[in-house]
């Protein structure tokens, strides 16, 4: 399945990769995207000299990282809730069979 990223996300990812202290590989891992994808975005940005680097259309790196952390936390919570609901469904199904 192919994932689509909006322009602002791509721009911030490229900005982090180019200006950050981490490698492109590590930046891609931190953002949860494919390393090759980020390499391609960086190459295109360098070749065209800006489309992904326009500050007016991007959020700060800290904002993107904060949002990523928040979304990962929320994802973990939702997975936990789903597991609880699965266990409850099994429990109630067994109780219903006993009757």
PDB file of N, CA and C in Angstrom:
ATOM      1  N   UNK A   1       0.843  -1.184   0.000  1.00  0.00           N
ATOM      2  CA  UNK A   1       0.000   0.000   0.000  1.00  0.00           C
ATOM      3  C   UNK A   1       0.884   1.242   0.000  1.00  0.00           C
ATOM      4  N   UNK A   2       0.559   2.169  -0.828  1.00  0.00           N
ATOM      5  CA  UNK A   2       1.348   3.386  -0.969  1.00  0.00           C
ATOM      6  C   UNK A   2       0.796   4.472  -0.062  1.00  0.00           C
ATOM      7  N   UNK A   3       1.679   5.102   0.707  1.00  0.00           N
ATOM      8  CA  UNK A   3       1.271   6.166   1.610  1.00  0.00           C
ATOM      9  C   UNK A   3       1.483   7.509   0.934  1.00  0.00           C
ATOM     10  N   UNK A   4       0.540   8.411   1.141  1.00  0.00           N
ATOM     11  CA  UNK A   4       0.634   9.750   0.577  1.00  0.00           C
ATOM     12  C   UNK A   4       0.904  10.747   1.698  1.00  0.00           C
ATOM     13  N   UNK A   5       1.854  11.636   1.471  1.00  0.00           N
ATOM     14  CA  UNK A   5       2.215  12.641   2.471  1.00  0.00           C
ATOM     15  C   UNK A   5       1.905  14.016   1.917  1.00  0.00           C
ATOM     16  N   UNK A   6       1.384  14.886   2.760  1.00  0.00           N
ATOM     17  CA  UNK A   6       1.071  16.228   2.283  1.00  0.00           C
ATOM     18  C   UNK A   6       2.356  17.047   2.108  1.00  0.00           C
ATOM     19  N   UNK A   7       2.230  18.131   1.377  1.00  0.00           N
ATOM     20  CA  UNK A   7       3.384  18.966   1.017  1.00  0.00           C
ATOM     21  C   UNK A   7       4.093  19.530   2.250  1.00  0.00           C
ATOM     22  N   UNK A   8       3.325  19.919   3.250  1.00  0.00           N
ATOM     23  CA  UNK A   8       3.925  20.494   4.460  1.00  0.00           C
ATOM     24  C   UNK A   8       4.781  19.456   5.187  1.00  0.00           C
ATOM     25  N   UNK A   9       4.279  18.224   5.258  1.00  0.00           N
ATOM     26  CA  UNK A   9       5.052  17.167   5.913  1.00  0.00           C
ATOM     27  C   UNK A   9       6.341  16.895   5.144  1.00  0.00           C
ATOM     28  N   UNK A  10       6.234  16.780   3.817  1.00  0.00           N
ATOM     29  CA  UNK A  10       7.428  16.531   2.995  1.00  0.00           C
ATOM     30  C   UNK A  10       8.444  17.652   3.173  1.00  0.00           C
ATOM     31  N   UNK A  11       7.943  18.889   3.181  1.00  0.00           N
ATOM     32  CA  UNK A  11       8.832  20.036   3.333  1.00  0.00           C
ATOM     33  C   UNK A  11       9.570  19.991   4.660  1.00  0.00           C
ATOM     34  N   UNK A  12       8.848  19.675   5.724  1.00  0.00           N
ATOM     35  CA  UNK A  12       9.486  19.640   7.045  1.00  0.00           C
ATOM     36  C   UNK A  12      10.462  18.475   7.150  1.00  0.00           C
ATOM     37  N   UNK A  13      10.105  17.344   6.557  1.00  0.00           N
ATOM     38  CA  UNK A  13      11.004  16.183   6.569  1.00  0.00           C
ATOM     39  C   UNK A  13      12.310  16.508   5.851  1.00  0.00           C
ATOM     40  N   UNK A  14      12.197  17.161   4.706  1.00  0.00           N
ATOM     41  CA  UNK A  14      13.398  17.549   3.948  1.00  0.00           C
ATOM     42  C   UNK A  14      14.209  18.555   4.744  1.00  0.00           C
ATOM     43  N   UNK A  15      13.538  19.507   5.332  1.00  0.00           N
ATOM     44  CA  UNK A  15      14.232  20.526   6.134  1.00  0.00           C
ATOM     45  C   UNK A  15      15.000  19.868   7.288  1.00  0.00           C
ATOM     46  N   UNK A  16      14.345  18.915   7.974  1.00  0.00           N
ATOM     47  CA  UNK A  16      15.022  18.192   9.058  1.00  0.00           C
ATOM     48  C   UNK A  16      16.222  17.413   8.538  1.00  0.00           C
ATOM     49  N   UNK A  17      16.034  16.760   7.398  1.00  0.00           N
ATOM     50  CA  UNK A  17      17.113  15.941   6.835  1.00  0.00           C
ATOM     51  C   UNK A  17      18.317  16.789   6.429  1.00  0.00           C
ATOM     52  N   UNK A  18      18.047  17.960   5.892  1.00  0.00           N
ATOM     53  CA  UNK A  18      19.129  18.814   5.396  1.00  0.00           C
ATOM     54  C   UNK A  18      19.791  19.612   6.513  1.00  0.00           C
ATOM     55  N   UNK A  19      18.992  20.160   7.409  1.00  0.00           N
ATOM     56  CA  UNK A  19      19.547  21.054   8.426  1.00  0.00           C
ATOM     57  C   UNK A  19      19.775  20.393   9.784  1.00  0.00           C
ATOM     58  N   UNK A  20      19.191  19.230   9.989  1.00  0.00           N
ATOM     59  CA  UNK A  20      19.307  18.559  11.280  1.00  0.00           C
ATOM     60  C   UNK A  20      20.668  17.927  11.488  1.00  0.00           C
ATOM     61  N   UNK A  21      20.910  17.493  12.711  1.00  0.00           N
ATOM     62  CA  UNK A  21      22.198  16.880  13.044  1.00  0.00           C
ATOM     63  C   UNK A  21      22.208  15.379  12.783  1.00  0.00           C
ATOM     64  N   UNK A  22      21.064  14.818  12.413  1.00  0.00           N
ATOM     65  CA  UNK A  22      20.967  13.378  12.173  1.00  0.00           C
ATOM     66  C   UNK A  22      21.107  13.071  10.688  1.00  0.00           C
ATOM     67  N   UNK A  23      21.409  11.809  10.407  1.00  0.00           N
ATOM     68  CA  UNK A  23      21.504  11.377   9.016  1.00  0.00           C
ATOM     69  C   UNK A  23      20.102  11.300   8.411  1.00  0.00           C
ATOM     70  N   UNK A  24      20.061  11.236   7.110  1.00  0.00           N
ATOM     71  CA  UNK A  24      18.766  11.096   6.434  1.00  0.00           C
ATOM     72  C   UNK A  24      18.100   9.800   6.862  1.00  0.00           C
ATOM     73  N   UNK A  25      18.893   8.750   6.993  1.00  0.00           N
ATOM     74  CA  UNK A  25      18.352   7.460   7.420  1.00  0.00           C
ATOM     75  C   UNK A  25      17.706   7.564   8.790  1.00  0.00           C
ATOM     76  N   UNK A  26      18.391   8.185   9.735  1.00  0.00           N
ATOM     77  CA  UNK A  26      17.852   8.310  11.087  1.00  0.00           C
ATOM     78  C   UNK A  26      16.642   9.243  11.117  1.00  0.00           C
ATOM     79  N   UNK A  27      16.696  10.302  10.339  1.00  0.00           N
ATOM     80  CA  UNK A  27      15.561  11.217  10.261  1.00  0.00           C
ATOM     81  C   UNK A  27      14.338  10.481   9.728  1.00  0.00           C
ATOM     82  N   UNK A  28      14.523   9.663   8.695  1.00  0.00           N
ATOM     83  CA  UNK A  28      13.415   8.884   8.131  1.00  0.00           C
ATOM     84  C   UNK A  28      12.833   7.942   9.179  1.00  0.00           C
ATOM     85  N   UNK A  29      13.698   7.266   9.921  1.00  0.00           N
ATOM     86  CA  UNK A  29      13.227   6.360  10.977  1.00  0.00           C
ATOM     87  C   UNK A  29      12.453   7.129  12.043  1.00  0.00           C
ATOM     88  N   UNK A  30      12.973   8.277  12.450  1.00  0.00           N
ATOM     89  CA  UNK A  30      12.314   9.087  13.477  1.00  0.00           C
ATOM     90  C   UNK A  30      10.916   9.533  13.031  1.00  0.00           C
ATOM     91  N   UNK A  31      10.783   9.819  11.745  1.00  0.00           N
ATOM     92  CA  UNK A  31       9.510  10.290  11.217  1.00  0.00           C
ATOM     93  C   UNK A  31       8.590   9.151  10.787  1.00  0.00           C
ATOM     94  N   UNK A  32       9.124   7.933  10.777  1.00  0.00           N
ATOM     95  CA  UNK A  32       8.309   6.787  10.402  1.00  0.00           C
ATOM     96  C   UNK A  32       8.034   6.685   8.912  1.00  0.00           C
ATOM     97  N   UNK A  33       8.992   7.146   8.110  1.00  0.00           N
ATOM     98  CA  UNK A  33       8.833   7.044   6.660  1.00  0.00           C
ATOM     99  C   UNK A  33       9.975   6.221   6.081  1.00  0.00           C
ATOM    100  N   UNK A  34       9.798   5.795   4.859  1.00  0.00           N
ATOM    101  CA  UNK A  34      10.798   4.996   4.175  1.00  0.00           C
ATOM    102  C   UNK A  34      12.035   5.845   3.882  1.00  0.00           C
ATOM    103  N   UNK A  35      13.190   5.263   4.121  1.00  0.00           N
ATOM    104  CA  UNK A  35      14.461   5.976   3.912  1.00  0.00           C
ATOM    105  C   UNK A  35      14.620   6.425   2.462  1.00  0.00           C
ATOM    106  N   UNK A  36      14.283   5.554   1.527  1.00  0.00           N
ATOM    107  CA  UNK A  36      14.404   5.887   0.109  1.00  0.00           C
ATOM    108  C   UNK A  36      13.495   7.048  -0.263  1.00  0.00           C
ATOM    109  N   UNK A  37      12.309   7.065   0.320  1.00  0.00           N
ATOM    110  CA  UNK A  37      11.369   8.154   0.059  1.00  0.00           C
ATOM    111  C   UNK A  37      11.986   9.490   0.467  1.00  0.00           C
ATOM    112  N   UNK A  38      12.555   9.541   1.671  1.00  0.00           N
ATOM    113  CA  UNK A  38      13.161  10.787   2.139  1.00  0.00           C
ATOM    114  C   UNK A  38      14.359  11.168   1.279  1.00  0.00           C
ATOM    115  N   UNK A  39      15.169  10.193   0.884  1.00  0.00           N
ATOM    116  CA  UNK A  39      16.305  10.485  -0.001  1.00  0.00           C
ATOM    117  C   UNK A  39      15.803  11.115  -1.307  1.00  0.00           C
ATOM    118  N   UNK A  40      14.718  10.567  -1.856  1.00  0.00           N
ATOM    119  CA  UNK A  40      14.154  11.120  -3.099  1.00  0.00           C
ATOM    120  C   UNK A  40      13.681  12.550  -2.908  1.00  0.00           C
ATOM    121  N   UNK A  41      12.979  12.810  -1.790  1.00  0.00           N
ATOM    122  CA  UNK A  41      12.497  14.166  -1.520  1.00  0.00           C
ATOM    123  C   UNK A  41      13.659  15.151  -1.410  1.00  0.00           C
ATOM    124  N   UNK A  42      14.720  14.746  -0.714  1.00  0.00           N
ATOM    125  CA  UNK A  42      15.890  15.611  -0.536  1.00  0.00           C
ATOM    126  C   UNK A  42      16.548  15.887  -1.891  1.00  0.00           C
ATOM    127  N   UNK A  43      16.682  14.845  -2.699  1.00  0.00           N
ATOM    128  CA  UNK A  43      17.293  15.009  -4.026  1.00  0.00           C
ATOM    129  C   UNK A  43      16.493  15.987  -4.880  1.00  0.00           C
ATOM    130  N   UNK A  44      15.168  15.827  -4.870  1.00  0.00           N
ATOM    131  CA  UNK A  44      14.312  16.733  -5.650  1.00  0.00           C
ATOM    132  C   UNK A  44      14.402  18.161  -5.130  1.00  0.00           C
ATOM    133  N   UNK A  45      14.447  18.314  -3.821  1.00  0.00           N
ATOM    134  CA  UNK A  45      14.530  19.656  -3.233  1.00  0.00           C
ATOM    135  C   UNK A  45      15.840  20.331  -3.603  1.00  0.00           C
ATOM    136  N   UNK A  46      16.911  19.561  -3.555  1.00  0.00           N
ATOM    137  CA  UNK A  46      18.223  20.134  -3.905  1.00  0.00           C
ATOM    138  C   UNK A  46      18.290  20.469  -5.388  1.00  0.00           C
ATOM    139  N   UNK A  47      17.695  19.633  -6.221  1.00  0.00           N
ATOM    140  CA  UNK A  47      17.721  19.871  -7.670  1.00  0.00           C
ATOM    141  C   UNK A  47      16.893  21.099  -8.045  1.00  0.00           C
ATOM    142  N   UNK A  48      15.754  21.270  -7.402  1.00  0.00           N
ATOM    143  CA  UNK A  48      14.878  22.391  -7.746  1.00  0.00           C
ATOM    144  C   UNK A  48      15.176  23.620  -6.908  1.00  0.00           C
ATOM    145  N   UNK A  49      15.946  23.448  -5.890  1.00  0.00           N
ATOM    146  CA  UNK A  49      16.432  24.509  -4.999  1.00  0.00           C
ATOM    147  C   UNK A  49      15.384  25.156  -4.119  1.00  0.00           C
ATOM    148  N   UNK A  50      14.202  24.604  -3.978  1.00  0.00           N
ATOM    149  CA  UNK A  50      13.302  25.104  -2.934  1.00  0.00           C
ATOM    150  C   UNK A  50      11.963  24.442  -2.700  1.00  0.00           C
ATOM    151  N   UNK A  51      11.296  23.815  -3.591  1.00  0.00           N
ATOM    152  CA  UNK A  51       9.892  23.545  -3.348  1.00  0.00           C
ATOM    153  C   UNK A  51       9.584  22.966  -1.976  1.00  0.00           C
ATOM    154  N   UNK A  52      10.457  22.175  -1.451  1.00  0.00           N
ATOM    155  CA  UNK A  52      10.184  21.596  -0.138  1.00  0.00           C
ATOM    156  C   UNK A  52      10.776  22.417   1.000  1.00  0.00           C
ATOM    157  N   UNK A  53      11.467  23.466   0.678  1.00  0.00           N
ATOM    158  CA  UNK A  53      12.164  24.224   1.710  1.00  0.00           C
ATOM    159  C   UNK A  53      11.520  25.577   2.014  1.00  0.00           C
ATOM    160  N   UNK A  54      10.336  25.833   1.494  1.00  0.00           N
ATOM    161  CA  UNK A  54       9.651  27.104   1.702  1.00  0.00           C
ATOM    162  C   UNK A  54       9.097  27.180   3.128  1.00  0.00           C
ATOM    163  N   UNK A  55       9.702  28.030   3.953  1.00  0.00           N
ATOM    164  CA  UNK A  55       9.315  28.149   5.363  1.00  0.00           C
ATOM    165  C   UNK A  55       7.875  28.612   5.567  1.00  0.00           C
ATOM    166  N   UNK A  56       7.346  29.364   4.629  1.00  0.00           N
ATOM    167  CA  UNK A  56       5.980  29.859   4.767  1.00  0.00           C
ATOM    168  C   UNK A  56       4.950  28.739   4.748  1.00  0.00           C
ATOM    169  N   UNK A  57       5.283  27.616   4.149  1.00  0.00           N
ATOM    170  CA  UNK A  57       4.328  26.523   4.008  1.00  0.00           C
ATOM    171  C   UNK A  57       4.608  25.361   4.960  1.00  0.00           C
ATOM    172  N   UNK A  58       5.557  25.515   5.852  1.00  0.00           N
ATOM    173  CA  UNK A  58       5.927  24.400   6.719  1.00  0.00           C
ATOM    174  C   UNK A  58       5.776  24.757   8.178  1.00  0.00           C
ATOM    175  N   UNK A  59       5.715  23.705   8.985  1.00  0.00           N
ATOM    176  CA  UNK A  59       5.703  23.875  10.435  1.00  0.00           C
ATOM    177  C   UNK A  59       7.139  23.699  10.921  1.00  0.00           C
ATOM    178  N   UNK A  60       7.394  24.107  12.140  1.00  0.00           N
ATOM    179  CA  UNK A  60       8.746  23.951  12.661  1.00  0.00           C
ATOM    180  C   UNK A  60       9.024  22.477  12.906  1.00  0.00           C
ATOM    181  N   UNK A  61      10.278  22.124  12.922  1.00  0.00           N
ATOM    182  CA  UNK A  61      10.683  20.735  13.164  1.00  0.00           C
ATOM    183  C   UNK A  61      10.171  20.268  14.521  1.00  0.00           C
ATOM    184  N   UNK A  62      10.241  21.134  15.502  1.00  0.00           N
ATOM    185  CA  UNK A  62       9.776  20.783  16.843  1.00  0.00           C
ATOM    186  C   UNK A  62       8.284  20.466  16.832  1.00  0.00           C
ATOM    187  N   UNK A  63       7.506  21.212  16.047  1.00  0.00           N
ATOM    188  CA  UNK A  63       6.069  20.957  15.949  1.00  0.00           C
ATOM    189  C   UNK A  63       5.788  19.593  15.327  1.00  0.00           C
ATOM    190  N   UNK A  64       6.521  19.266  14.291  1.00  0.00           N
ATOM    191  CA  UNK A  64       6.331  17.977  13.620  1.00  0.00           C
ATOM    192  C   UNK A  64       6.700  16.837  14.564  1.00  0.00           C
ATOM    193  N   UNK A  65       7.804  16.978  15.259  1.00  0.00           N
ATOM    194  CA  UNK A  65       8.234  15.937  16.190  1.00  0.00           C
ATOM    195  C   UNK A  65       7.251  15.808  17.341  1.00  0.00           C
ATOM    196  N   UNK A  66       6.774  16.928  17.858  1.00  0.00           N
ATOM    197  CA  UNK A  66       5.769  16.889  18.932  1.00  0.00           C
ATOM    198  C   UNK A  66       4.497  16.182  18.466  1.00  0.00           C
ATOM    199  N   UNK A  67       4.052  16.510  17.265  1.00  0.00           N
ATOM    200  CA  UNK A  67       2.850  15.866  16.738  1.00  0.00           C
ATOM    201  C   UNK A  67       3.075  14.374  16.541  1.00  0.00           C
ATOM    202  N   UNK A  68       4.235  14.012  16.042  1.00  0.00           N
ATOM    203  CA  UNK A  68       4.555  12.597  15.840  1.00  0.00           C
ATOM    204  C   UNK A  68       4.533  11.839  17.165  1.00  0.00           C
ATOM    205  N   UNK A  69       5.137  12.421  18.196  1.00  0.00           N
ATOM    206  CA  UNK A  69       5.129  11.793  19.516  1.00  0.00           C
ATOM    207  C   UNK A  69       3.712  11.635  20.040  1.00  0.00           C
ATOM    208  N   UNK A  70       2.902  12.687  19.870  1.00  0.00           N
ATOM    209  CA  UNK A  70       1.516  12.653  20.345  1.00  0.00           C
ATOM    210  C   UNK A  70       0.723  11.587  19.595  1.00  0.00           C
ATOM    211  N   UNK A  71       0.918  11.492  18.289  1.00  0.00           N
ATOM    212  CA  UNK A  71       0.191  10.501  17.503  1.00  0.00           C
ATOM    213  C   UNK A  71       0.614   9.076  17.846  1.00  0.00           C
ATOM    214  N   UNK A  72       1.884   8.874  18.103  1.00  0.00           N
ATOM    215  CA  UNK A  72       2.348   7.540  18.500  1.00  0.00           C
ATOM    216  C   UNK A  72       1.765   7.151  19.862  1.00  0.00           C
ATOM    217  N   UNK A  73       1.699   8.112  20.765  1.00  0.00           N
ATOM    218  CA  UNK A  73       1.121   7.862  22.088  1.00  0.00           C
ATOM    219  C   UNK A  73      -0.363   7.511  21.957  1.00  0.00           C
ATOM    220  N   UNK A  74      -1.070   8.284  21.148  1.00  0.00           N
ATOM    221  CA  UNK A  74      -2.487   8.028  20.932  1.00  0.00           C
ATOM    222  C   UNK A  74      -2.704   6.669  20.270  1.00  0.00           C
ATOM    223  N   UNK A  75      -1.847   6.328  19.319  1.00  0.00           N
ATOM    224  CA  UNK A  75      -1.943   5.036  18.643  1.00  0.00           C
ATOM    225  C   UNK A  75      -1.767   3.889  19.642  1.00  0.00           C
ATOM    226  N   UNK A  76      -0.809   4.008  20.537  1.00  0.00           N
ATOM    227  CA  UNK A  76      -0.592   2.972  21.552  1.00  0.00           C
ATOM    228  C   UNK A  76      -1.815   2.839  22.462  1.00  0.00           C
ATOM    229  N   UNK A  77      -2.397   3.973  22.856  1.00  0.00           N
ATOM    230  CA  UNK A  77      -3.584   3.952  23.706  1.00  0.00           C
ATOM    231  C   UNK A  77      -4.752   3.285  22.995  1.00  0.00           C
ATOM    232  N   UNK A  78      -4.942   3.600  21.735  1.00  0.00           N
ATOM    233  CA  UNK A  78      -6.038   3.013  20.973  1.00  0.00           C
ATOM    234  C   UNK A  78      -5.860   1.505  20.790  1.00  0.00           C
ATOM    235  N   UNK A  79      -4.628   1.074  20.580  1.00  0.00           N
ATOM    236  CA  UNK A  79      -4.360  -0.365  20.472  1.00  0.00           C
ATOM    237  C   UNK A  79      -4.693  -1.068  21.781  1.00  0.00           C
ATOM    238  N   UNK A  80      -4.319  -0.436  22.878  1.00  0.00           N
ATOM    239  CA  UNK A  80      -4.603  -1.005  24.194  1.00  0.00           C
ATOM    240  C   UNK A  80      -6.116  -1.096  24.418  1.00  0.00           C
ATOM    241  N   UNK A  81      -6.836  -0.044  24.069  1.00  0.00           N
ATOM    242  CA  UNK A  81      -8.290  -0.057  24.217  1.00  0.00           C
ATOM    243  C   UNK A  81      -8.919  -1.150  23.361  1.00  0.00           C
ATOM    244  N   UNK A  82      -8.415  -1.321  22.152  1.00  0.00           N
ATOM    245  CA  UNK A  82      -8.936  -2.360  21.267  1.00  0.00           C
ATOM    246  C   UNK A  82      -8.735  -3.745  21.874  1.00  0.00           C
ATOM    247  N   UNK A  83      -7.573  -3.982  22.467  1.00  0.00           N
ATOM    248  CA  UNK A  83      -7.301  -5.271  23.100  1.00  0.00           C
ATOM    249  C   UNK A  83      -8.241  -5.517  24.279  1.00  0.00           C
ATOM    250  N   UNK A  84      -8.504  -4.489  25.047  1.00  0.00           N
ATOM    251  CA  UNK A  84      -9.431  -4.613  26.185  1.00  0.00           C
ATOM    252  C   UNK A  84     -10.827  -4.976  25.674  1.00  0.00           C
ATOM    253  N   UNK A  85     -11.263  -4.324  24.609  1.00  0.00           N
ATOM    254  CA  UNK A  85     -12.582  -4.613  24.051  1.00  0.00           C
ATOM    255  C   UNK A  85     -12.665  -6.031  23.487  1.00  0.00           C
ATOM    256  N   UNK A  86     -11.595  -6.498  22.880  1.00  0.00           N
ATOM    257  CA  UNK A  86     -11.571  -7.874  22.380  1.00  0.00           C
ATOM    258  C   UNK A  86     -11.743  -8.860  23.535  1.00  0.00           C
ATOM    259  N   UNK A  87     -11.010  -8.636  24.616  1.00  0.00           N
ATOM    260  CA  UNK A  87     -11.094  -9.522  25.781  1.00  0.00           C
ATOM    261  C   UNK A  87     -12.481  -9.478  26.403  1.00  0.00           C
ATOM    262  N   UNK A  88     -13.065  -8.303  26.455  1.00  0.00           N
ATOM    263  CA  UNK A  88     -14.420  -8.172  27.012  1.00  0.00           C
ATOM    264  C   UNK A  88     -15.425  -8.922  26.146  1.00  0.00           C
ATOM    265  N   UNK A  89     -15.280  -8.839  24.828  1.00  0.00           N
ATOM    266  CA  UNK A  89     -16.194  -9.538  23.922  1.00  0.00           C
ATOM    267  C   UNK A  89     -16.099 -11.046  24.122  1.00  0.00           C
ATOM    268  N   UNK A  90     -14.880 -11.552  24.274  1.00  0.00           N
ATOM    269  CA  UNK A  90     -14.688 -12.984  24.519  1.00  0.00           C
ATOM    270  C   UNK A  90     -15.325 -13.368  25.848  1.00  0.00           C
ATOM    271  N   UNK A  91     -15.107 -12.581  26.868  1.00  0.00           N
ATOM    272  CA  UNK A  91     -15.665 -12.858  28.186  1.00  0.00           C
ATOM    273  C   UNK A  91     -17.195 -12.938  28.129  1.00  0.00           C
ATOM    274  N   UNK A  92     -17.820 -11.944  27.520  1.00  0.00           N
ATOM    275  CA  UNK A  92     -19.274 -11.917  27.464  1.00  0.00           C
ATOM    276  C   UNK A  92     -19.831 -13.028  26.570  1.00  0.00           C
ATOM    277  N   UNK A  93     -19.102 -13.397  25.531  1.00  0.00           N
ATOM    278  CA  UNK A  93     -19.540 -14.500  24.686  1.00  0.00           C
ATOM    279  C   UNK A  93     -19.541 -15.803  25.474  1.00  0.00           C
ATOM    280  N   UNK A  94     -18.530 -16.013  26.298  1.00  0.00           N
ATOM    281  CA  UNK A  94     -18.470 -17.215  27.146  1.00  0.00           C
ATOM    282  C   UNK A  94     -19.599 -17.201  28.176  1.00  0.00           C
ATOM    283  N   UNK A  95     -19.874 -16.045  28.760  1.00  0.00           N
ATOM    284  CA  UNK A  95     -20.959 -15.928  29.747  1.00  0.00           C
ATOM    285  C   UNK A  95     -22.301 -16.244  29.091  1.00  0.00           C
ATOM    286  N   UNK A  96     -22.488 -15.800  27.871  1.00  0.00           N
ATOM    287  CA  UNK A  96     -23.743 -16.036  27.163  1.00  0.00           C
ATOM    288  C   UNK A  96     -23.904 -17.519  26.839  1.00  0.00           C
ATOM    289  N   UNK A  97     -22.799 -18.204  26.536  1.00  0.00           N
ATOM    290  CA  UNK A  97     -22.855 -19.637  26.230  1.00  0.00           C
ATOM    291  C   UNK A  97     -23.217 -20.453  27.456  1.00  0.00           C
ATOM    292  N   UNK A  98     -22.855 -19.998  28.636  1.00  0.00           N
ATOM    293  CA  UNK A  98     -23.146 -20.709  29.878  1.00  0.00           C
ATOM    294  C   UNK A  98     -24.641 -20.712  30.180  1.00  0.00           C
ATOM    295  N   UNK A  99     -25.359 -19.752  29.677  1.00  0.00           N
ATOM    296  CA  UNK A  99     -26.791 -19.595  29.986  1.00  0.00           C
ATOM    297  C   UNK A  99     -27.624 -20.506  29.181  1.00  0.00           C
TER     298      UNK A  99
END
